[in-house]
Amino acid sequence: DRKDINYVIECSEEAAGDINQRGGGNIAK
C-alpha cells in the first residue's frame, strides 16, 4: 500500500536545483 512506504531514494541521472543549489533539489519527495 502507498501509505506503507516510509522512504524514497531517487537515483536517476538528472538533478534539480537553482543557481543557489545546483542539483540540490529533491526529486524523490
PDB file of all heavy atoms in Angstrom:
ATOM      1  N   ASP A   1       0.838  -1.200   0.000  1.00  0.00           N
ATOM      2  CA  ASP A   1       0.000   0.000   0.000  1.00  0.00           C
ATOM      3  C   ASP A   1       0.874   1.252   0.000  1.00  0.00           C
ATOM      4  O   ASP A   1       1.947   1.282   0.607  1.00  0.00           O
ATOM      5  CB  ASP A   1      -0.896  -0.006   1.234  1.00  0.00           C
ATOM      6  CG  ASP A   1      -2.013   1.022   1.134  1.00  0.00           C
ATOM      7  OD1 ASP A   1      -1.733   2.209   1.388  1.00  0.00           O
ATOM      8  OD2 ASP A   1      -3.149   0.645   0.797  1.00  0.00           O
ATOM      9  N   ARG A   2       0.390   2.296  -0.660  1.00  0.00           N
ATOM     10  CA  ARG A   2       1.149   3.546  -0.731  1.00  0.00           C
ATOM     11  C   ARG A   2       1.506   4.098   0.638  1.00  0.00           C
ATOM     12  O   ARG A   2       2.600   4.628   0.842  1.00  0.00           O
ATOM     13  CB  ARG A   2       0.358   4.607  -1.498  1.00  0.00           C
ATOM     14  CG  ARG A   2       0.005   4.249  -2.917  1.00  0.00           C
ATOM     15  CD  ARG A   2      -0.674   5.434  -3.594  1.00  0.00           C
ATOM     16  NE  ARG A   2      -1.484   5.003  -4.717  1.00  0.00           N
ATOM     17  CZ  ARG A   2      -2.022   5.819  -5.603  1.00  0.00           C
ATOM     18  NH1 ARG A   2      -1.831   7.120  -5.494  1.00  0.00           N
ATOM     19  NH2 ARG A   2      -2.748   5.363  -6.598  1.00  0.00           N
ATOM     20  N   LYS A   3       0.590   3.985   1.579  1.00  0.00           N
ATOM     21  CA  LYS A   3       0.819   4.583   2.897  1.00  0.00           C
ATOM     22  C   LYS A   3       1.909   3.860   3.680  1.00  0.00           C
ATOM     23  O   LYS A   3       2.415   4.377   4.689  1.00  0.00           O
ATOM     24  CB  LYS A   3      -0.478   4.588   3.706  1.00  0.00           C
ATOM     25  CG  LYS A   3      -0.970   3.230   4.167  1.00  0.00           C
ATOM     26  CD  LYS A   3      -2.228   3.369   5.016  1.00  0.00           C
ATOM     27  CE  LYS A   3      -2.693   2.037   5.607  1.00  0.00           C
ATOM     28  NZ  LYS A   3      -3.052   1.055   4.560  1.00  0.00           N
ATOM     29  N   ASP A   4       2.310   2.668   3.212  1.00  0.00           N
ATOM     30  CA  ASP A   4       3.321   1.888   3.927  1.00  0.00           C
ATOM     31  C   ASP A   4       4.744   2.160   3.443  1.00  0.00           C
ATOM     32  O   ASP A   4       5.702   1.581   3.969  1.00  0.00           O
ATOM     33  CB  ASP A   4       3.017   0.387   3.791  1.00  0.00           C
ATOM     34  CG  ASP A   4       1.745  -0.005   4.521  1.00  0.00           C
ATOM     35  OD1 ASP A   4       1.431   0.638   5.542  1.00  0.00           O
ATOM     36  OD2 ASP A   4       1.053  -0.936   4.063  1.00  0.00           O
ATOM     37  N   ILE A   5       4.904   3.010   2.442  1.00  0.00           N
ATOM     38  CA  ILE A   5       6.245   3.397   2.002  1.00  0.00           C
ATOM     39  C   ILE A   5       6.755   4.499   2.918  1.00  0.00           C
ATOM     40  O   ILE A   5       6.134   5.554   3.042  1.00  0.00           O
ATOM     41  CB  ILE A   5       6.238   3.892   0.534  1.00  0.00           C
ATOM     42  CG1 ILE A   5       5.758   2.782  -0.409  1.00  0.00           C
ATOM     43  CG2 ILE A   5       7.636   4.364   0.129  1.00  0.00           C
ATOM     44  CD1 ILE A   5       6.653   1.564  -0.462  1.00  0.00           C
ATOM     45  N   ASN A   6       7.896   4.251   3.576  1.00  0.00           N
ATOM     46  CA  ASN A   6       8.441   5.201   4.552  1.00  0.00           C
ATOM     47  C   ASN A   6       9.506   6.124   3.977  1.00  0.00           C
ATOM     48  O   ASN A   6       9.730   7.217   4.494  1.00  0.00           O
ATOM     49  CB  ASN A   6       9.068   4.457   5.740  1.00  0.00           C
ATOM     50  CG  ASN A   6       8.231   3.301   6.219  1.00  0.00           C
ATOM     51  OD1 ASN A   6       8.649   2.159   6.095  1.00  0.00           O
ATOM     52  ND2 ASN A   6       7.049   3.593   6.759  1.00  0.00           N
ATOM     53  N   TYR A   7      10.190   5.653   2.925  1.00  0.00           N
ATOM     54  CA  TYR A   7      11.316   6.437   2.398  1.00  0.00           C
ATOM     55  C   TYR A   7      11.460   6.151   0.915  1.00  0.00           C
ATOM     56  O   TYR A   7      11.220   5.034   0.455  1.00  0.00           O
ATOM     57  CB  TYR A   7      12.612   6.049   3.121  1.00  0.00           C
ATOM     58  CG  TYR A   7      13.710   7.087   3.026  1.00  0.00           C
ATOM     59  CD1 TYR A   7      13.647   8.267   3.760  1.00  0.00           C
ATOM     60  CD2 TYR A   7      14.818   6.900   2.208  1.00  0.00           C
ATOM     61  CE1 TYR A   7      14.649   9.228   3.688  1.00  0.00           C
ATOM     62  CE2 TYR A   7      15.823   7.845   2.120  1.00  0.00           C
ATOM     63  CZ  TYR A   7      15.742   9.007   2.866  1.00  0.00           C
ATOM     64  OH  TYR A   7      16.730   9.954   2.787  1.00  0.00           O
ATOM     65  N   VAL A   8      11.842   7.191   0.161  1.00  0.00           N
ATOM     66  CA  VAL A   8      12.056   7.080  -1.280  1.00  0.00           C
ATOM     67  C   VAL A   8      13.484   7.528  -1.594  1.00  0.00           C
ATOM     68  O   VAL A   8      13.904   8.606  -1.149  1.00  0.00           O
ATOM     69  CB  VAL A   8      11.050   7.934  -2.080  1.00  0.00           C
ATOM     70  CG1 VAL A   8      11.328   7.822  -3.583  1.00  0.00           C
ATOM     71  CG2 VAL A   8       9.617   7.511  -1.769  1.00  0.00           C
ATOM     72  N   ILE A   9      14.209   6.700  -2.345  1.00  0.00           N
ATOM     73  CA  ILE A   9      15.534   7.081  -2.831  1.00  0.00           C
ATOM     74  C   ILE A   9      15.451   7.172  -4.342  1.00  0.00           C
ATOM     75  O   ILE A   9      15.165   6.178  -5.017  1.00  0.00           O
ATOM     76  CB  ILE A   9      16.615   6.056  -2.427  1.00  0.00           C
ATOM     77  CG1 ILE A   9      16.686   5.926  -0.903  1.00  0.00           C
ATOM     78  CG2 ILE A   9      17.972   6.470  -2.983  1.00  0.00           C
ATOM     79  CD1 ILE A   9      17.668   4.867  -0.433  1.00  0.00           C
ATOM     80  N   GLU A  10      15.669   8.360  -4.880  1.00  0.00           N
ATOM     81  CA  GLU A  10      15.602   8.570  -6.325  1.00  0.00           C
ATOM     82  C   GLU A  10      17.019   8.582  -6.884  1.00  0.00           C
ATOM     83  O   GLU A  10      17.915   9.222  -6.339  1.00  0.00           O
ATOM     84  CB  GLU A  10      14.895   9.905  -6.611  1.00  0.00           C
ATOM     85  CG  GLU A  10      14.314  10.021  -8.013  1.00  0.00           C
ATOM     86  CD  GLU A  10      15.321  10.499  -9.035  1.00  0.00           C
ATOM     87  OE1 GLU A  10      16.378  11.022  -8.630  1.00  0.00           O
ATOM     88  OE2 GLU A  10      15.063  10.371 -10.242  1.00  0.00           O
ATOM     89  N   CYS A  11      17.250   7.829  -7.966  1.00  0.00           N
ATOM     90  CA  CYS A  11      18.627   7.601  -8.426  1.00  0.00           C
ATOM     91  C   CYS A  11      18.780   7.730  -9.935  1.00  0.00           C
ATOM     92  O   CYS A  11      19.516   6.977 -10.571  1.00  0.00           O
ATOM     93  CB  CYS A  11      19.124   6.233  -7.957  1.00  0.00           C
ATOM     94  SG  CYS A  11      18.055   4.846  -8.401  1.00  0.00           S
ATOM     95  N   SER A  12      18.070   8.695 -10.516  1.00  0.00           N
ATOM     96  CA  SER A  12      18.185   8.912 -11.955  1.00  0.00           C
ATOM     97  C   SER A  12      19.479   9.652 -12.282  1.00  0.00           C
ATOM     98  O   SER A  12      20.299   9.937 -11.406  1.00  0.00           O
ATOM     99  CB  SER A  12      16.990   9.726 -12.463  1.00  0.00           C
ATOM    100  OG  SER A  12      17.072  11.057 -11.990  1.00  0.00           O
ATOM    101  N   GLU A  13      19.653  10.002 -13.556  1.00  0.00           N
ATOM    102  CA  GLU A  13      20.857  10.708 -13.976  1.00  0.00           C
ATOM    103  C   GLU A  13      20.674  12.219 -14.008  1.00  0.00           C
ATOM    104  O   GLU A  13      21.596  12.959 -14.367  1.00  0.00           O
ATOM    105  CB  GLU A  13      21.301  10.210 -15.361  1.00  0.00           C
ATOM    106  CG  GLU A  13      21.795   8.774 -15.334  1.00  0.00           C
ATOM    107  CD  GLU A  13      22.395   8.338 -16.654  1.00  0.00           C
ATOM    108  OE1 GLU A  13      21.632   8.229 -17.631  1.00  0.00           O
ATOM    109  OE2 GLU A  13      23.609   8.103 -16.702  1.00  0.00           O
ATOM    110  N   GLU A  14      19.491  12.690 -13.639  1.00  0.00           N
ATOM    111  CA  GLU A  14      19.227  14.125 -13.657  1.00  0.00           C
ATOM    112  C   GLU A  14      19.317  14.716 -12.254  1.00  0.00           C
ATOM    113  O   GLU A  14      19.231  14.007 -11.255  1.00  0.00           O
ATOM    114  CB  GLU A  14      17.834  14.392 -14.240  1.00  0.00           C
ATOM    115  CG  GLU A  14      17.592  13.784 -15.600  1.00  0.00           C
ATOM    116  CD  GLU A  14      18.576  14.260 -16.655  1.00  0.00           C
ATOM    117  OE1 GLU A  14      19.269  15.260 -16.433  1.00  0.00           O
ATOM    118  OE2 GLU A  14      18.648  13.625 -17.719  1.00  0.00           O
ATOM    119  N   ALA A  15      19.487  16.019 -12.186  1.00  0.00           N
ATOM    120  CA  ALA A  15      19.495  16.717 -10.906  1.00  0.00           C
ATOM    121  C   ALA A  15      18.652  17.982 -11.028  1.00  0.00           C
ATOM    122  O   ALA A  15      18.616  18.614 -12.086  1.00  0.00           O
ATOM    123  CB  ALA A  15      20.917  17.084 -10.497  1.00  0.00           C
ATOM    124  N   ALA A  16      17.984  18.345  -9.942  1.00  0.00           N
ATOM    125  CA  ALA A  16      17.126  19.527  -9.937  1.00  0.00           C
ATOM    126  C   ALA A  16      17.677  20.548  -8.950  1.00  0.00           C
ATOM    127  O   ALA A  16      18.142  20.195  -7.870  1.00  0.00           O
ATOM    128  CB  ALA A  16      15.698  19.141  -9.553  1.00  0.00           C
ATOM    129  N   GLY A  17      17.625  21.815  -9.335  1.00  0.00           N
ATOM    130  CA  GLY A  17      18.100  22.853  -8.440  1.00  0.00           C
ATOM    131  C   GLY A  17      18.170  24.188  -9.149  1.00  0.00           C
ATOM    132  O   GLY A  17      17.892  24.286 -10.344  1.00  0.00           O
ATOM    133  N   ASP A  18      18.564  25.232  -8.395  1.00  0.00           N
ATOM    134  CA  ASP A  18      18.684  26.558  -8.994  1.00  0.00           C
ATOM    135  C   ASP A  18      20.092  27.091  -8.793  1.00  0.00           C
ATOM    136  O   ASP A  18      20.998  26.356  -8.386  1.00  0.00           O
ATOM    137  CB  ASP A  18      17.635  27.508  -8.411  1.00  0.00           C
ATOM    138  CG  ASP A  18      17.752  27.677  -6.901  1.00  0.00           C
ATOM    139  OD1 ASP A  18      18.839  27.383  -6.336  1.00  0.00           O
ATOM    140  OD2 ASP A  18      16.769  28.104  -6.274  1.00  0.00           O
ATOM    141  N   ILE A  19      20.287  28.367  -9.076  1.00  0.00           N
ATOM    142  CA  ILE A  19      21.627  28.949  -9.024  1.00  0.00           C
ATOM    143  C   ILE A  19      22.230  28.894  -7.623  1.00  0.00           C
ATOM    144  O   ILE A  19      23.451  28.884  -7.445  1.00  0.00           O
ATOM    145  CB  ILE A  19      21.581  30.405  -9.543  1.00  0.00           C
ATOM    146  CG1 ILE A  19      22.991  30.912  -9.846  1.00  0.00           C
ATOM    147  CG2 ILE A  19      20.850  31.316  -8.559  1.00  0.00           C
ATOM    148  CD1 ILE A  19      23.002  32.231 -10.591  1.00  0.00           C
ATOM    149  N   ASN A  20      21.384  28.840  -6.605  1.00  0.00           N
ATOM    150  CA  ASN A  20      21.868  28.790  -5.231  1.00  0.00           C
ATOM    151  C   ASN A  20      22.204  27.366  -4.772  1.00  0.00           C
ATOM    152  O   ASN A  20      23.026  27.194  -3.872  1.00  0.00           O
ATOM    153  CB  ASN A  20      20.819  29.388  -4.290  1.00  0.00           C
ATOM    154  CG  ASN A  20      20.575  30.846  -4.579  1.00  0.00           C
ATOM    155  OD1 ASN A  20      21.494  31.651  -4.518  1.00  0.00           O
ATOM    156  ND2 ASN A  20      19.336  31.185  -4.921  1.00  0.00           N
ATOM    157  N   GLN A  21      21.544  26.391  -5.379  1.00  0.00           N
ATOM    158  CA  GLN A  21      21.789  24.986  -5.023  1.00  0.00           C
ATOM    159  C   GLN A  21      21.641  24.125  -6.262  1.00  0.00           C
ATOM    160  O   GLN A  21      20.653  23.416  -6.445  1.00  0.00           O
ATOM    161  CB  GLN A  21      20.797  24.509  -3.950  1.00  0.00           C
ATOM    162  CG  GLN A  21      21.174  24.919  -2.552  1.00  0.00           C
ATOM    163  CD  GLN A  21      20.339  24.170  -1.526  1.00  0.00           C
ATOM    164  OE1 GLN A  21      19.138  23.982  -1.681  1.00  0.00           O
ATOM    165  NE2 GLN A  21      20.983  23.716  -0.471  1.00  0.00           N
ATOM    166  N   ARG A  22      22.621  24.167  -7.125  1.00  0.00           N
ATOM    167  CA  ARG A  22      22.574  23.357  -8.343  1.00  0.00           C
ATOM    168  C   ARG A  22      22.605  21.871  -7.961  1.00  0.00           C
ATOM    169  O   ARG A  22      23.545  21.399  -7.341  1.00  0.00           O
ATOM    170  CB  ARG A  22      23.751  23.702  -9.247  1.00  0.00           C
ATOM    171  CG  ARG A  22      23.638  25.073  -9.882  1.00  0.00           C
ATOM    172  CD  ARG A  22      24.801  25.389 -10.767  1.00  0.00           C
ATOM    173  NE  ARG A  22      26.031  25.585  -9.991  1.00  0.00           N
ATOM    174  CZ  ARG A  22      27.223  25.829 -10.511  1.00  0.00           C
ATOM    175  NH1 ARG A  22      27.370  25.872 -11.812  1.00  0.00           N
ATOM    176  NH2 ARG A  22      28.267  26.018  -9.744  1.00  0.00           N
ATOM    177  N   GLY A  23      21.571  21.156  -8.345  1.00  0.00           N
ATOM    178  CA  GLY A  23      21.500  19.740  -8.002  1.00  0.00           C
ATOM    179  C   GLY A  23      21.024  19.480  -6.599  1.00  0.00           C
ATOM    180  O   GLY A  23      21.017  18.348  -6.146  1.00  0.00           O
ATOM    181  N   GLY A  24      20.597  20.529  -5.903  1.00  0.00           N
ATOM    182  CA  GLY A  24      20.189  20.355  -4.510  1.00  0.00           C
ATOM    183  C   GLY A  24      18.733  19.977  -4.320  1.00  0.00           C
ATOM    184  O   GLY A  24      18.281  19.774  -3.197  1.00  0.00           O
ATOM    185  N   GLY A  25      17.994  19.880  -5.421  1.00  0.00           N
ATOM    186  CA  GLY A  25      16.566  19.566  -5.320  1.00  0.00           C
ATOM    187  C   GLY A  25      16.315  18.131  -4.893  1.00  0.00           C
ATOM    188  O   GLY A  25      17.220  17.294  -4.869  1.00  0.00           O
ATOM    189  N   ASN A  26      15.086  17.837  -4.547  1.00  0.00           N
ATOM    190  CA  ASN A  26      14.727  16.512  -4.046  1.00  0.00           C
ATOM    191  C   ASN A  26      13.660  15.905  -4.960  1.00  0.00           C
ATOM    192  O   ASN A  26      12.464  16.073  -4.735  1.00  0.00           O
ATOM    193  CB  ASN A  26      14.215  16.632  -2.610  1.00  0.00           C
ATOM    194  CG  ASN A  26      14.135  15.291  -1.914  1.00  0.00           C
ATOM    195  OD1 ASN A  26      13.803  14.281  -2.528  1.00  0.00           O
ATOM    196  ND2 ASN A  26      14.432  15.282  -0.626  1.00  0.00           N
ATOM    197  N   ILE A  27      14.111  15.215  -6.007  1.00  0.00           N
ATOM    198  CA  ILE A  27      13.164  14.588  -6.938  1.00  0.00           C
ATOM    199  C   ILE A  27      12.426  13.448  -6.249  1.00  0.00           C
ATOM    200  O   ILE A  27      11.267  13.165  -6.560  1.00  0.00           O
ATOM    201  CB  ILE A  27      13.900  14.109  -8.203  1.00  0.00           C
ATOM    202  CG1 ILE A  27      14.552  15.295  -8.920  1.00  0.00           C
ATOM    203  CG2 ILE A  27      12.935  13.404  -9.159  1.00  0.00           C
ATOM    204  CD1 ILE A  27      15.338  14.929 -10.162  1.00  0.00           C
ATOM    205  N   ALA A  28      13.078  12.800  -5.289  1.00  0.00           N
ATOM    206  CA  ALA A  28      12.448  11.686  -4.573  1.00  0.00           C
ATOM    207  C   ALA A  28      11.147  12.114  -3.904  1.00  0.00           C
ATOM    208  O   ALA A  28      10.102  11.463  -4.063  1.00  0.00           O
ATOM    209  CB  ALA A  28      13.422  11.123  -3.532  1.00  0.00           C
ATOM    210  N   LYS A  29      11.179  13.207  -3.177  1.00  0.00           N
ATOM    211  CA  LYS A  29       9.975  13.643  -2.470  1.00  0.00           C
ATOM    212  C   LYS A  29       8.926  14.170  -3.436  1.00  0.00           C
ATOM    213  O   LYS A  29       7.726  14.053  -3.178  1.00  0.00           O
ATOM    214  CB  LYS A  29      10.329  14.705  -1.428  1.00  0.00           C
ATOM    215  CG  LYS A  29      11.049  14.129  -0.210  1.00  0.00           C
ATOM    216  CD  LYS A  29      11.224  15.141   0.902  1.00  0.00           C
ATOM    217  CE  LYS A  29       9.934  15.375   1.652  1.00  0.00           C
ATOM    218  NZ  LYS A  29      10.144  16.235   2.852  1.00  0.00           N
TER     219      LYS A  29
END
